[in-house]
C-alpha atoms as a PDB file:
ATOM      1  CA  MET A   1      -9.056   5.283 -14.014  1.00  0.00           C
ATOM      2  CA  ASN A   2     -10.468   4.647 -10.650  1.00  0.00           C
ATOM      3  CA  ASN A   3     -13.644   2.579 -12.457  1.00  0.00           C
ATOM      4  CA  ASP A   4     -10.648   1.026 -14.442  1.00  0.00           C
ATOM      5  CA  PRO A   5     -11.980  -2.614 -13.739  1.00  0.00           C
ATOM      6  CA  THR A   6      -8.819  -4.112 -14.364  1.00  0.00           C
ATOM      7  CA  LEU A   7      -6.848  -2.367 -12.021  1.00  0.00           C
ATOM      8  CA  LYS A   8      -9.815  -3.806  -9.883  1.00  0.00           C
ATOM      9  CA  GLU A   9      -9.703  -7.236 -11.277  1.00  0.00           C
ATOM     10  CA  LEU A  10      -5.917  -7.132  -9.961  1.00  0.00           C
ATOM     11  CA  ILE A  11      -6.321  -5.681  -6.842  1.00  0.00           C
ATOM     12  CA  ARG A  12      -9.259  -8.614  -5.854  1.00  0.00           C
ATOM     13  CA  GLU A  13      -5.966 -11.091  -7.584  1.00  0.00           C
ATOM     14  CA  PHE A  14      -3.051  -9.416  -5.477  1.00  0.00           C
ATOM     15  CA  PHE A  15      -4.856  -8.866  -2.574  1.00  0.00           C
ATOM     16  CA  PRO A  16      -5.345 -12.866  -0.778  1.00  0.00           C
ATOM     17  CA  TYR A  17      -1.980 -13.358  -1.824  1.00  0.00           C
ATOM     18  CA  ALA A  18      -0.447 -10.193   0.073  1.00  0.00           C
ATOM     19  CA  LYS A  19      -2.421 -11.102   2.707  1.00  0.00           C
ATOM     20  CA  GLU A  20      -1.277 -15.112   2.690  1.00  0.00           C
ATOM     21  CA  LYS A  21       2.226 -13.498   2.483  1.00  0.00           C
ATOM     22  CA  LEU A  22       2.222 -10.987   5.388  1.00  0.00           C
ATOM     23  CA  GLY A  23      -0.094 -13.307   7.662  1.00  0.00           C
ATOM     24  CA  PHE A  24      -2.584 -10.150   8.802  1.00  0.00           C
ATOM     25  CA  SER A  25      -6.524 -11.425  10.032  1.00  0.00           C
ATOM     26  CA  LYS A  26      -7.529  -7.752  10.915  1.00  0.00           C
ATOM     27  CA  PRO A  27      -9.698  -6.392   7.899  1.00  0.00           C
ATOM     28  CA  VAL A  28      -8.581  -3.328   6.136  1.00  0.00           C
ATOM     29  CA  LYS A  29     -10.772  -1.319   4.377  1.00  0.00           C
ATOM     30  CA  LEU A  30      -9.312   0.307   0.504  1.00  0.00           C
ATOM     31  CA  PHE A  31     -10.327   2.999  -1.267  1.00  0.00           C
ATOM     32  CA  LEU A  32      -9.863   3.885  -4.474  1.00  0.00           C
ATOM     33  CA  ARG A  33      -9.494   8.127  -4.785  1.00  0.00           C
ATOM     34  CA  THR A  34      -9.381   9.983  -8.007  1.00  0.00           C
ATOM     35  CA  ASP A  35      -7.985  13.812  -7.315  1.00  0.00           C
ATOM     36  CA  LYS A  36      -7.362  15.730  -9.971  1.00  0.00           C
ATOM     37  CA  GLU A  37      -5.327  18.344  -8.391  1.00  0.00           C
ATOM     38  CA  ASN A  38      -3.151  15.360  -5.937  1.00  0.00           C
ATOM     39  CA  ALA A  39      -2.785  14.315 -10.169  1.00  0.00           C
ATOM     40  CA  GLU A  40      -1.363  17.594 -11.174  1.00  0.00           C
ATOM     41  CA  ASN A  41       1.607  17.425  -8.929  1.00  0.00           C
ATOM     42  CA  PRO A  42       4.638  15.742  -9.897  1.00  0.00           C
ATOM     43  CA  LEU A  43       5.011  15.341  -5.886  1.00  0.00           C
ATOM     44  CA  GLY A  44       1.733  14.409  -5.411  1.00  0.00           C
ATOM     45  CA  ARG A  45       0.675  11.599  -2.642  1.00  0.00           C
ATOM     46  CA  THR A  46       0.419   8.223  -4.540  1.00  0.00           C
ATOM     47  CA  ALA A  47      -1.267   6.218  -1.392  1.00  0.00           C
ATOM     48  CA  PHE A  48      -1.422   6.428   2.672  1.00  0.00           C
ATOM     49  CA  TYR A  49      -2.421   4.103   5.205  1.00  0.00           C
ATOM     50  CA  ASP A  50      -4.450   5.161   8.255  1.00  0.00           C
ATOM     51  CA  PRO A  51      -3.511   2.951  11.131  1.00  0.00           C
ATOM     52  CA  THR A  52      -6.329   4.453  13.419  1.00  0.00           C
ATOM     53  CA  ASN A  53      -9.013   3.214  10.814  1.00  0.00           C
ATOM     54  CA  SER A  54      -7.227   0.211   9.378  1.00  0.00           C
ATOM     55  CA  SER A  55      -7.415   1.712   5.711  1.00  0.00           C
ATOM     56  CA  ILE A  56      -5.698   2.065   2.846  1.00  0.00           C
ATOM     57  CA  THR A  57      -6.339   5.089   0.579  1.00  0.00           C
ATOM     58  CA  LEU A  58      -4.274   4.884  -3.233  1.00  0.00           C
ATOM     59  CA  TYR A  59      -4.649   7.567  -5.514  1.00  0.00           C
ATOM     60  CA  THR A  60      -5.326   6.276  -8.785  1.00  0.00           C
ATOM     61  CA  LEU A  61      -6.200   9.476 -11.484  1.00  0.00           C
ATOM     62  CA  ASP A  62      -3.302   9.131 -14.342  1.00  0.00           C
ATOM     63  CA  ARG A  63      -1.614   6.397 -12.661  1.00  0.00           C
ATOM     64  CA  HIS A  64      -0.162   3.071 -14.332  1.00  0.00           C
ATOM     65  CA  PRO A  65      -2.634  -0.154 -12.694  1.00  0.00           C
ATOM     66  CA  LYS A  66       1.093  -1.919 -11.743  1.00  0.00           C
ATOM     67  CA  ASP A  67       2.277   1.486 -10.636  1.00  0.00           C
ATOM     68  CA  VAL A  68      -1.210   1.532  -7.929  1.00  0.00           C
ATOM     69  CA  LEU A  69      -0.746  -2.434  -6.413  1.00  0.00           C
ATOM     70  CA  LYS A  70       2.781  -1.821  -5.908  1.00  0.00           C
ATOM     71  CA  SER A  71       1.394   1.526  -3.541  1.00  0.00           C
ATOM     72  CA  LEU A  72      -0.999  -1.190  -2.133  1.00  0.00           C
ATOM     73  CA  SER A  73       1.850  -3.665  -1.351  1.00  0.00           C
ATOM     74  CA  HIS A  74       3.495  -0.935   0.148  1.00  0.00           C
ATOM     75  CA  GLU A  75       0.539  -0.125   2.379  1.00  0.00           C
ATOM     76  CA  LEU A  76      -0.432  -3.709   3.392  1.00  0.00           C
ATOM     77  CA  VAL A  77       2.825  -4.104   5.208  1.00  0.00           C
ATOM     78  CA  HIS A  78       2.028  -1.142   7.209  1.00  0.00           C
ATOM     79  CA  HIS A  79      -1.307  -2.461   8.162  1.00  0.00           C
ATOM     80  CA  CYS A  80       0.820  -5.327   9.336  1.00  0.00           C
ATOM     81  CA  GLN A  81       2.926  -3.560  11.236  1.00  0.00           C
ATOM     82  CA  ASN A  82      -0.174  -1.988  12.498  1.00  0.00           C
ATOM     83  CA  CYS A  83      -1.746  -5.391  13.324  1.00  0.00           C
ATOM     84  CA  ARG A  84       1.117  -6.501  15.140  1.00  0.00           C
ATOM     85  CA  GLY A  85       1.054  -3.011  17.691  1.00  0.00           C
ATOM     86  CA  GLU A  86       3.849  -1.249  15.958  1.00  0.00           C
ATOM     87  CA  PHE A  87       2.130   1.930  15.242  1.00  0.00           C
ATOM     88  CA  ASP A  88       1.283   2.337  19.245  1.00  0.00           C
ATOM     89  CA  ASP A  89       2.020   5.241  20.698  1.00  0.00           C
ATOM     90  CA  CYS A  90       3.470   6.722  17.521  1.00  0.00           C
ATOM     91  CA  SER A  91       2.906  10.340  15.529  1.00  0.00           C
ATOM     92  CA  MET A  92       2.608  10.429  12.291  1.00  0.00           C
ATOM     93  CA  LYS A  93       3.716  14.058  12.143  1.00  0.00           C
ATOM     94  CA  GLU A  94       5.154  15.523   8.917  1.00  0.00           C
ATOM     95  CA  GLY A  95       8.931  14.294   8.577  1.00  0.00           C
ATOM     96  CA  TYR A  96       8.259  11.238  11.111  1.00  0.00           C
ATOM     97  CA  ALA A  97      10.352   9.101   8.509  1.00  0.00           C
ATOM     98  CA  GLN A  98      13.406  11.667   8.679  1.00  0.00           C
ATOM     99  CA  GLU A  99      12.738  11.855  12.599  1.00  0.00           C
ATOM    100  CA  ASP A 100      11.855   8.983  14.171  1.00  0.00           C
ATOM    101  CA  ASN A 101      13.926   5.739  13.510  1.00  0.00           C
ATOM    102  CA  HIS A 102      11.105   3.383  14.614  1.00  0.00           C
ATOM    103  CA  LEU A 103       9.089   4.655  11.433  1.00  0.00           C
ATOM    104  CA  ARG A 104      11.959   4.931   9.542  1.00  0.00           C
ATOM    105  CA  GLU A 105      12.437   1.426  10.483  1.00  0.00           C
ATOM    106  CA  MET A 106       9.129   0.662   9.819  1.00  0.00           C
ATOM    107  CA  GLU A 107       9.164   2.546   6.388  1.00  0.00           C
ATOM    108  CA  LYS A 108      11.767   0.576   4.851  1.00  0.00           C
ATOM    109  CA  GLU A 109      10.072  -2.593   6.063  1.00  0.00           C
ATOM    110  CA  ALA A 110       7.567  -1.507   3.846  1.00  0.00           C
ATOM    111  CA  TYR A 111       9.657  -0.528   0.565  1.00  0.00           C
ATOM    112  CA  LEU A 112      11.532  -3.772   0.834  1.00  0.00           C
ATOM    113  CA  GLU A 113       8.669  -6.403   2.125  1.00  0.00           C
ATOM    114  CA  GLY A 114       6.095  -4.493  -0.050  1.00  0.00           C
ATOM    115  CA  CYS A 115       7.897  -4.120  -3.442  1.00  0.00           C
ATOM    116  CA  MET A 116       9.645  -7.619  -2.905  1.00  0.00           C
ATOM    117  CA  MET A 117       5.944  -9.214  -2.168  1.00  0.00           C
ATOM    118  CA  PHE A 118       4.896  -7.635  -5.195  1.00  0.00           C
ATOM    119  CA  ARG A 119       7.520  -9.125  -7.603  1.00  0.00           C
ATOM    120  CA  ASP A 120       7.106 -12.668  -6.092  1.00  0.00           C
ATOM    121  CA  TRP A 121       3.780 -12.051  -7.243  1.00  0.00           C
ATOM    122  CA  GLU A 122       4.760 -10.669 -10.432  1.00  0.00           C
ATOM    123  CA  ASP A 123       6.488 -13.604 -11.418  1.00  0.00           C
ATOM    124  CA  MET A 124       4.599 -15.875 -10.093  1.00  0.00           C
ATOM    125  CA  ARG A 125       1.462 -14.496 -12.294  1.00  0.00           C
ATOM    126  CA  ARG A 126       3.273 -14.572 -15.722  1.00  0.00           C
ATOM    127  CA  GLY A 127       4.310 -18.295 -15.185  1.00  0.00           C
ATOM    128  CA  ARG A 128       0.516 -18.755 -15.535  1.00  0.00           C
ATOM    129  CA  GLU A 129       0.052 -16.914 -18.659  1.00  0.00           C
END
């Protein structure tokens, strides 16, 4: 699915909406990754944000485009948090969302804001069809 033009078109459409809603100005790098081993793992990765490089990696193989876009929305909230300096002095070791209260709150924000932003965009887009 990495080369699916529909997914890329949807990303190009969603990204400016998310950027305006979140209000970040710092550039973010986006990588679409196909990983067969990850796709075969029922609990494999869906996406991740790297605050050091301001990059988002989305795993796309065997995923519905809508699911990938939801992951993008979530990770863009993390990028916004990084732009606000909220990743400064943070350790992203395994279990960070369970052991670090600050990072847990950041995850909550990314889940809530990311899902709601995607839902609002999707509802707005449906109104245009």
